Structure formats: C-alpha cells, structure tokens
PDB file of N, CA and C in Angstrom:
ATOM      1  N   MET A   1      16.258  32.547 -23.988  1.00  0.00           N
ATOM      2  CA  MET A   1      17.035  33.760 -24.177  1.00  0.00           C
ATOM      3  C   MET A   1      18.447  33.533 -23.684  1.00  0.00           C
ATOM      4  N   SER A   2      19.411  33.988 -24.464  1.00  0.00           N
ATOM      5  CA  SER A   2      20.816  33.828 -24.110  1.00  0.00           C
ATOM      6  C   SER A   2      21.216  34.846 -23.052  1.00  0.00           C
ATOM      7  N   THR A   3      22.211  34.485 -22.291  1.00  0.00           N
ATOM      8  CA  THR A   3      22.735  35.419 -21.310  1.00  0.00           C
ATOM      9  C   THR A   3      23.719  36.352 -21.998  1.00  0.00           C
ATOM     10  N   TYR A   4      24.032  37.422 -21.336  1.00  0.00           N
ATOM     11  CA  TYR A   4      24.991  38.397 -21.853  1.00  0.00           C
ATOM     12  C   TYR A   4      26.313  37.702 -22.186  1.00  0.00           C
ATOM     13  N   GLU A   5      26.791  36.868 -21.270  1.00  0.00           N
ATOM     14  CA  GLU A   5      28.073  36.197 -21.467  1.00  0.00           C
ATOM     15  C   GLU A   5      28.042  35.307 -22.699  1.00  0.00           C
ATOM     16  N   GLU A   6      26.920  34.615 -22.929  1.00  0.00           N
ATOM     17  CA  GLU A   6      26.804  33.758 -24.112  1.00  0.00           C
ATOM     18  C   GLU A   6      26.817  34.591 -25.389  1.00  0.00           C
ATOM     19  N   ILE A   7      26.117  35.695 -25.360  1.00  0.00           N
ATOM     20  CA  ILE A   7      26.064  36.571 -26.535  1.00  0.00           C
ATOM     21  C   ILE A   7      27.457  37.113 -26.844  1.00  0.00           C
ATOM     22  N   ILE A   8      28.171  37.576 -25.819  1.00  0.00           N
ATOM     23  CA  ILE A   8      29.520  38.101 -26.004  1.00  0.00           C
ATOM     24  C   ILE A   8      30.440  37.020 -26.551  1.00  0.00           C
ATOM     25  N   SER A   9      30.356  35.831 -26.010  1.00  0.00           N
ATOM     26  CA  SER A   9      31.199  34.726 -26.444  1.00  0.00           C
ATOM     27  C   SER A   9      30.979  34.423 -27.922  1.00  0.00           C
ATOM     28  N   VAL A  10      29.725  34.360 -28.327  1.00  0.00           N
ATOM     29  CA  VAL A  10      29.402  34.089 -29.730  1.00  0.00           C
ATOM     30  C   VAL A  10      29.870  35.243 -30.612  1.00  0.00           C
ATOM     31  N   ALA A  11      29.641  36.480 -30.161  1.00  0.00           N
ATOM     32  CA  ALA A  11      30.038  37.651 -30.954  1.00  0.00           C
ATOM     33  C   ALA A  11      31.546  37.696 -31.146  1.00  0.00           C
ATOM     34  N   LEU A  12      32.304  37.403 -30.098  1.00  0.00           N
ATOM     35  CA  LEU A  12      33.763  37.448 -30.193  1.00  0.00           C
ATOM     36  C   LEU A  12      34.326  36.321 -31.054  1.00  0.00           C
ATOM     37  N   ALA A  13      33.537  35.281 -31.265  1.00  0.00           N
ATOM     38  CA  ALA A  13      33.975  34.166 -32.112  1.00  0.00           C
ATOM     39  C   ALA A  13      33.767  34.467 -33.598  1.00  0.00           C
ATOM     40  N   LEU A  14      33.043  35.536 -33.904  1.00  0.00           N
ATOM     41  CA  LEU A  14      32.810  35.903 -35.300  1.00  0.00           C
ATOM     42  C   LEU A  14      34.102  36.386 -35.946  1.00  0.00           C
ATOM     43  N   PRO A  15      34.187  36.261 -37.273  1.00  0.00           N
ATOM     44  CA  PRO A  15      35.348  36.839 -37.968  1.00  0.00           C
ATOM     45  C   PRO A  15      35.358  38.359 -37.787  1.00  0.00           C
ATOM     46  N   PRO A  16      36.520  38.992 -37.904  1.00  0.00           N
ATOM     47  CA  PRO A  16      36.630  40.438 -37.661  1.00  0.00           C
ATOM     48  C   PRO A  16      35.621  41.281 -38.444  1.00  0.00           C
ATOM     49  N   GLY A  17      35.407  40.980 -39.697  1.00  0.00           N
ATOM     50  CA  GLY A  17      34.462  41.763 -40.501  1.00  0.00           C
ATOM     51  C   GLY A  17      33.044  41.678 -39.962  1.00  0.00           C
ATOM     52  N   ALA A  18      32.646  40.477 -39.557  1.00  0.00           N
ATOM     53  CA  ALA A  18      31.305  40.291 -39.006  1.00  0.00           C
ATOM     54  C   ALA A  18      31.178  40.992 -37.664  1.00  0.00           C
ATOM     55  N   ARG A  19      32.246  40.966 -36.858  1.00  0.00           N
ATOM     56  CA  ARG A  19      32.216  41.682 -35.568  1.00  0.00           C
ATOM     57  C   ARG A  19      32.063  43.174 -35.790  1.00  0.00           C
ATOM     58  N   ALA A  20      32.766  43.688 -36.796  1.00  0.00           N
ATOM     59  CA  ALA A  20      32.660  45.127 -37.095  1.00  0.00           C
ATOM     60  C   ALA A  20      31.244  45.480 -37.515  1.00  0.00           C
ATOM     61  N   MET A  21      30.645  44.652 -38.350  1.00  0.00           N
ATOM     62  CA  MET A  21      29.260  44.918 -38.777  1.00  0.00           C
ATOM     63  C   MET A  21      28.309  44.852 -37.588  1.00  0.00           C
ATOM     64  N   LEU A  22      28.499  43.867 -36.713  1.00  0.00           N
ATOM     65  CA  LEU A  22      27.670  43.749 -35.518  1.00  0.00           C
ATOM     66  C   LEU A  22      27.822  44.976 -34.634  1.00  0.00           C
ATOM     67  N   ALA A  23      29.063  45.416 -34.439  1.00  0.00           N
ATOM     68  CA  ALA A  23      29.313  46.604 -33.614  1.00  0.00           C
ATOM     69  C   ALA A  23      28.620  47.825 -34.217  1.00  0.00           C
ATOM     70  N   GLU A  24      28.695  47.962 -35.526  1.00  0.00           N
ATOM     71  CA  GLU A  24      28.038  49.091 -36.185  1.00  0.00           C
ATOM     72  C   GLU A  24      26.528  49.053 -35.963  1.00  0.00           C
ATOM     73  N   HIS A  25      25.947  47.882 -36.093  1.00  0.00           N
ATOM     74  CA  HIS A  25      24.493  47.756 -35.869  1.00  0.00           C
ATOM     75  C   HIS A  25      24.128  48.081 -34.421  1.00  0.00           C
ATOM     76  N   LEU A  26      24.940  47.608 -33.488  1.00  0.00           N
ATOM     77  CA  LEU A  26      24.656  47.891 -32.083  1.00  0.00           C
ATOM     78  C   LEU A  26      24.769  49.381 -31.789  1.00  0.00           C
ATOM     79  N   LEU A  27      25.797  50.027 -32.326  1.00  0.00           N
ATOM     80  CA  LEU A  27      25.958  51.469 -32.115  1.00  0.00           C
ATOM     81  C   LEU A  27      24.827  52.254 -32.770  1.00  0.00           C
ATOM     82  N   ASP A  28      24.404  51.829 -33.947  1.00  0.00           N
ATOM     83  CA  ASP A  28      23.280  52.497 -34.608  1.00  0.00           C
ATOM     84  C   ASP A  28      22.027  52.432 -33.738  1.00  0.00           C
ATOM     85  N   GLY A  29      21.886  51.341 -33.000  1.00  0.00           N
ATOM     86  CA  GLY A  29      20.736  51.192 -32.125  1.00  0.00           C
ATOM     87  C   GLY A  29      20.755  52.151 -30.949  1.00  0.00           C
ATOM     88  N   LEU A  30      21.922  52.705 -30.632  1.00  0.00           N
ATOM     89  CA  LEU A  30      22.030  53.664 -29.537  1.00  0.00           C
ATOM     90  C   LEU A  30      21.753  55.090 -29.981  1.00  0.00           C
ATOM     91  N   ASN A  31      21.862  55.323 -31.266  1.00  0.00           N
ATOM     92  CA  ASN A  31      21.691  56.677 -31.785  1.00  0.00           C
ATOM     93  C   ASN A  31      20.240  57.119 -31.690  1.00  0.00           C
ATOM     94  N   GLY A  32      20.066  58.338 -31.188  1.00  0.00           N
ATOM     95  CA  GLY A  32      18.735  58.912 -31.118  1.00  0.00           C
ATOM     96  C   GLY A  32      18.328  59.486 -32.457  1.00  0.00           C
ATOM     97  N   GLU A  33      17.144  60.022 -32.511  1.00  0.00           N
ATOM     98  CA  GLU A  33      16.633  60.549 -33.770  1.00  0.00           C
ATOM     99  C   GLU A  33      17.395  61.792 -34.232  1.00  0.00           C
ATOM    100  N   ASP A  34      18.114  62.437 -33.331  1.00  0.00           N
ATOM    101  CA  ASP A  34      18.876  63.633 -33.685  1.00  0.00           C
ATOM    102  C   ASP A  34      20.302  63.325 -34.142  1.00  0.00           C
ATOM    103  N   GLN A  35      20.673  62.047 -34.217  1.00  0.00           N
ATOM    104  CA  GLN A  35      22.059  61.695 -34.493  1.00  0.00           C
ATOM    105  C   GLN A  35      22.549  62.217 -35.839  1.00  0.00           C
ATOM    106  N   ASP A  36      21.723  62.177 -36.868  1.00  0.00           N
ATOM    107  CA  ASP A  36      22.152  62.681 -38.179  1.00  0.00           C
ATOM    108  C   ASP A  36      22.482  64.173 -38.100  1.00  0.00           C
ATOM    109  N   ARG A  37      21.673  64.925 -37.371  1.00  0.00           N
ATOM    110  CA  ARG A  37      21.922  66.358 -37.215  1.00  0.00           C
ATOM    111  C   ARG A  37      23.201  66.590 -36.416  1.00  0.00           C
ATOM    112  N   ILE A  38      23.398  65.810 -35.363  1.00  0.00           N
ATOM    113  CA  ILE A  38      24.598  65.924 -34.540  1.00  0.00           C
ATOM    114  C   ILE A  38      25.836  65.576 -35.370  1.00  0.00           C
ATOM    115  N   ASP A  39      25.758  64.509 -36.153  1.00  0.00           N
ATOM    116  CA  ASP A  39      26.884  64.120 -37.001  1.00  0.00           C
ATOM    117  C   ASP A  39      27.218  65.223 -38.001  1.00  0.00           C
ATOM    118  N   ALA A  40      26.206  65.852 -38.581  1.00  0.00           N
ATOM    119  CA  ALA A  40      26.429  66.933 -39.546  1.00  0.00           C
ATOM    120  C   ALA A  40      27.096  68.135 -38.861  1.00  0.00           C
ATOM    121  N   LEU A  41      26.657  68.449 -37.647  1.00  0.00           N
ATOM    122  CA  LEU A  41      27.268  69.560 -36.906  1.00  0.00           C
ATOM    123  C   LEU A  41      28.731  69.270 -36.597  1.00  0.00           C
ATOM    124  N   TRP A  42      29.033  68.032 -36.200  1.00  0.00           N
ATOM    125  CA  TRP A  42      30.425  67.675 -35.920  1.00  0.00           C
ATOM    126  C   TRP A  42      31.264  67.726 -37.191  1.00  0.00           C
ATOM    127  N   ALA A  43      30.710  67.275 -38.302  1.00  0.00           N
ATOM    128  CA  ALA A  43      31.443  67.341 -39.572  1.00  0.00           C
ATOM    129  C   ALA A  43      31.773  68.790 -39.918  1.00  0.00           C
ATOM    130  N   ASP A  44      30.810  69.685 -39.718  1.00  0.00           N
ATOM    131  CA  ASP A  44      31.057  71.115 -39.957  1.00  0.00           C
ATOM    132  C   ASP A  44      32.158  71.648 -39.039  1.00  0.00           C
ATOM    133  N   GLU A  45      32.113  71.248 -37.785  1.00  0.00           N
ATOM    134  CA  GLU A  45      33.120  71.700 -36.816  1.00  0.00           C
ATOM    135  C   GLU A  45      34.510  71.195 -37.202  1.00  0.00           C
ATOM    136  N   ILE A  46      34.594  69.954 -37.612  1.00  0.00           N
ATOM    137  CA  ILE A  46      35.882  69.387 -38.030  1.00  0.00           C
ATOM    138  C   ILE A  46      36.430  70.148 -39.234  1.00  0.00           C
ATOM    139  N   GLU A  47      35.570  70.410 -40.210  1.00  0.00           N
ATOM    140  CA  GLU A  47      36.000  71.166 -41.386  1.00  0.00           C
ATOM    141  C   GLU A  47      36.486  72.564 -40.996  1.00  0.00           C
ATOM    142  N   ARG A  48      35.787  73.209 -40.062  1.00  0.00           N
ATOM    143  CA  ARG A  48      36.188  74.547 -39.603  1.00  0.00           C
ATOM    144  C   ARG A  48      37.564  74.496 -38.956  1.00  0.00           C
ATOM    145  N   ARG A  49      37.785  73.496 -38.116  1.00  0.00           N
ATOM    146  CA  ARG A  49      39.076  73.384 -37.423  1.00  0.00           C
ATOM    147  C   ARG A  49      40.210  73.089 -38.394  1.00  0.00           C
ATOM    148  N   ILE A  50      39.965  72.227 -39.362  1.00  0.00           N
ATOM    149  CA  ILE A  50      40.983  71.929 -40.374  1.00  0.00           C
ATOM    150  C   ILE A  50      41.327  73.197 -41.147  1.00  0.00           C
ATOM    151  N   ARG A  51      40.310  73.958 -41.516  1.00  0.00           N
ATOM    152  CA  ARG A  51      40.515  75.204 -42.257  1.00  0.00           C
ATOM    153  C   ARG A  51      41.359  76.182 -41.435  1.00  0.00           C
ATOM    154  N   GLU A  52      41.080  76.296 -40.133  1.00  0.00           N
ATOM    155  CA  GLU A  52      41.850  77.196 -39.268  1.00  0.00           C
ATOM    156  C   GLU A  52      43.320  76.784 -39.201  1.00  0.00           C
ATOM    157  N   VAL A  53      43.582  75.484 -39.147  1.00  0.00           N
ATOM    158  CA  VAL A  53      44.970  75.012 -39.141  1.00  0.00           C
ATOM    159  C   VAL A  53      45.616  75.328 -40.486  1.00  0.00           C
ATOM    160  N   ASP A  54      44.920  75.009 -41.578  1.00  0.00           N
ATOM    161  CA  ASP A  54      45.466  75.258 -42.921  1.00  0.00           C
ATOM    162  C   ASP A  54      45.760  76.738 -43.159  1.00  0.00           C
ATOM    163  N   GLU A  55      44.933  77.602 -42.595  1.00  0.00           N
ATOM    164  CA  GLU A  55      45.104  79.045 -42.785  1.00  0.00           C
ATOM    165  C   GLU A  55      46.085  79.651 -41.780  1.00  0.00           C
ATOM    166  N   GLY A  56      46.601  78.836 -40.866  1.00  0.00           N
ATOM    167  CA  GLY A  56      47.563  79.324 -39.890  1.00  0.00           C
ATOM    168  C   GLY A  56      46.946  80.110 -38.746  1.00  0.00           C
ATOM    169  N   LYS A  57      45.632  80.035 -38.587  1.00  0.00           N
ATOM    170  CA  LYS A  57      44.962  80.767 -37.507  1.00  0.00           C
ATOM    171  C   LYS A  57      45.201  80.120 -36.143  1.00  0.00           C
ATOM    172  N   VAL A  58      45.441  78.827 -36.149  1.00  0.00           N
ATOM    173  CA  VAL A  58      45.741  78.113 -34.906  1.00  0.00           C
ATOM    174  C   VAL A  58      46.947  77.216 -35.135  1.00  0.00           C
ATOM    175  N   THR A  59      47.639  76.918 -34.061  1.00  0.00           N
ATOM    176  CA  THR A  59      48.798  76.031 -34.135  1.00  0.00           C
ATOM    177  C   THR A  59      48.449  74.744 -33.397  1.00  0.00           C
ATOM    178  N   PRO A  60      48.516  73.630 -34.095  1.00  0.00           N
ATOM    179  CA  PRO A  60      48.200  72.360 -33.440  1.00  0.00           C
ATOM    180  C   PRO A  60      49.201  72.051 -32.328  1.00  0.00           C
ATOM    181  N   VAL A  61      48.732  71.370 -31.316  1.00  0.00           N
ATOM    182  CA  VAL A  61      49.578  70.928 -30.211  1.00  0.00           C
ATOM    183  C   VAL A  61      49.652  69.403 -30.296  1.00  0.00           C
ATOM    184  N   PRO A  62      50.864  68.827 -30.286  1.00  0.00           N
ATOM    185  CA  PRO A  62      50.987  67.375 -30.340  1.00  0.00           C
ATOM    186  C   PRO A  62      50.212  66.693 -29.211  1.00  0.00           C
ATOM    187  N   GLY A  63      49.625  65.571 -29.526  1.00  0.00           N
ATOM    188  CA  GLY A  63      48.797  64.842 -28.572  1.00  0.00           C
ATOM    189  C   GLY A  63      49.508  64.492 -27.282  1.00  0.00           C
ATOM    190  N   ASP A  64      50.791  64.133 -27.369  1.00  0.00           N
ATOM    191  CA  ASP A  64      51.503  63.773 -26.145  1.00  0.00           C
ATOM    192  C   ASP A  64      51.653  64.969 -25.210  1.00  0.00           C
ATOM    193  N   GLN A  65      51.793  66.175 -25.768  1.00  0.00           N
ATOM    194  CA  GLN A  65      51.864  67.376 -24.932  1.00  0.00           C
ATOM    195  C   GLN A  65      50.519  67.656 -24.262  1.00  0.00           C
ATOM    196  N   VAL A  66      49.452  67.461 -24.999  1.00  0.00           N
ATOM    197  CA  VAL A  66      48.117  67.655 -24.431  1.00  0.00           C
ATOM    198  C   VAL A  66      47.901  66.682 -23.273  1.00  0.00           C
ATOM    199  N   MET A  67      48.253  65.414 -23.491  1.00  0.00           N
ATOM    200  CA  MET A  67      48.059  64.411 -22.446  1.00  0.00           C
ATOM    201  C   MET A  67      48.920  64.720 -21.222  1.00  0.00           C
ATOM    202  N   ASP A  68      50.160  65.190 -21.444  1.00  0.00           N
ATOM    203  CA  ASP A  68      51.017  65.561 -20.319  1.00  0.00           C
ATOM    204  C   ASP A  68      50.381  66.688 -19.504  1.00  0.00           C
ATOM    205  N   ARG A  69      49.842  67.690 -20.183  1.00  0.00           N
ATOM    206  CA  ARG A  69      49.184  68.805 -19.483  1.00  0.00           C
ATOM    207  C   ARG A  69      47.989  68.321 -18.674  1.00  0.00           C
ATOM    208  N   LEU A  70      47.189  67.440 -19.283  1.00  0.00           N
ATOM    209  CA  LEU A  70      46.013  66.917 -18.571  1.00  0.00           C
ATOM    210  C   LEU A  70      46.428  66.111 -17.348  1.00  0.00           C
ATOM    211  N   ARG A  71      47.445  65.282 -17.507  1.00  0.00           N
ATOM    212  CA  ARG A  71      47.916  64.476 -16.356  1.00  0.00           C
ATOM    213  C   ARG A  71      48.434  65.389 -15.250  1.00  0.00           C
ATOM    214  N   SER A  72      49.142  66.451 -15.633  1.00  0.00           N
ATOM    215  CA  SER A  72      49.671  67.392 -14.656  1.00  0.00           C
ATOM    216  C   SER A  72      48.543  68.067 -13.891  1.00  0.00           C
ATOM    217  N   ARG A  73      47.528  68.498 -14.594  1.00  0.00           N
ATOM    218  CA  ARG A  73      46.375  69.135 -13.930  1.00  0.00           C
ATOM    219  C   ARG A  73      45.675  68.171 -12.999  1.00  0.00           C
ATOM    220  N   ARG A  74      45.534  66.938 -13.458  1.00  0.00           N
ATOM    221  CA  ARG A  74      44.827  65.930 -12.651  1.00  0.00           C
ATOM    222  C   ARG A  74      45.601  65.592 -11.387  1.00  0.00           C
ATOM    223  N   SER A  75      46.926  65.548 -11.483  1.00  0.00           N
ATOM    224  CA  SER A  75      47.742  65.183 -10.322  1.00  0.00           C
ATOM    225  C   SER A  75      47.744  66.280  -9.265  1.00  0.00           C
ATOM    226  N   ARG A  76      47.445  67.519  -9.666  1.00  0.00           N
ATOM    227  CA  ARG A  76      47.407  68.640  -8.709  1.00  0.00           C
ATOM    228  C   ARG A  76      46.125  68.651  -7.890  1.00  0.00           C
ATOM    229  N   LYS A  77      45.133  67.922  -8.305  1.00  0.00           N
ATOM    230  CA  LYS A  77      43.840  67.935  -7.597  1.00  0.00           C
ATOM    231  C   LYS A  77      43.810  66.961  -6.462  1.00  0.00           C
TER     232      LYS A  77
END
C-alpha cells in the first residue's frame, strides 16, 4: 500500500485534465446519499437569488466590501 505522500506525488504528476477527473472522483466519494437533494436545493436557492437581483428586490454588494466588513468584525473580537 502506498503512503499518502506517494499518492499525492503521483496525483500531482498527472496532466491537469487527469487531476481534475481524479479530484471529481474523490469529491464524489465524500458525498452522502442526500447530496443530489442538497444540490437541487442549492440550485433552487441560486435561481431564487438571481431572480431577486434581476427584479431589483435586492442590491448586490461587491465582494471586496463584504470581505472588508467581515475583516472589520473579526478584528473587533
């Protein structure tokens, strides 16, 4: 049996496409039996949020502003 380090070394030596396929297979192995349902719920949520932005119900906040706010909150603790 190979060690973790040997497996990582071999995996990182693969071409990018093969590494991506390997990563996908490994992630699929982590998914529980409810993953399809969870993915469908997230897809619905994403569609709802996009619709709210398109309809003007919410105003998006740029990512850098969000990160600044989070850093500010974290530094106060």
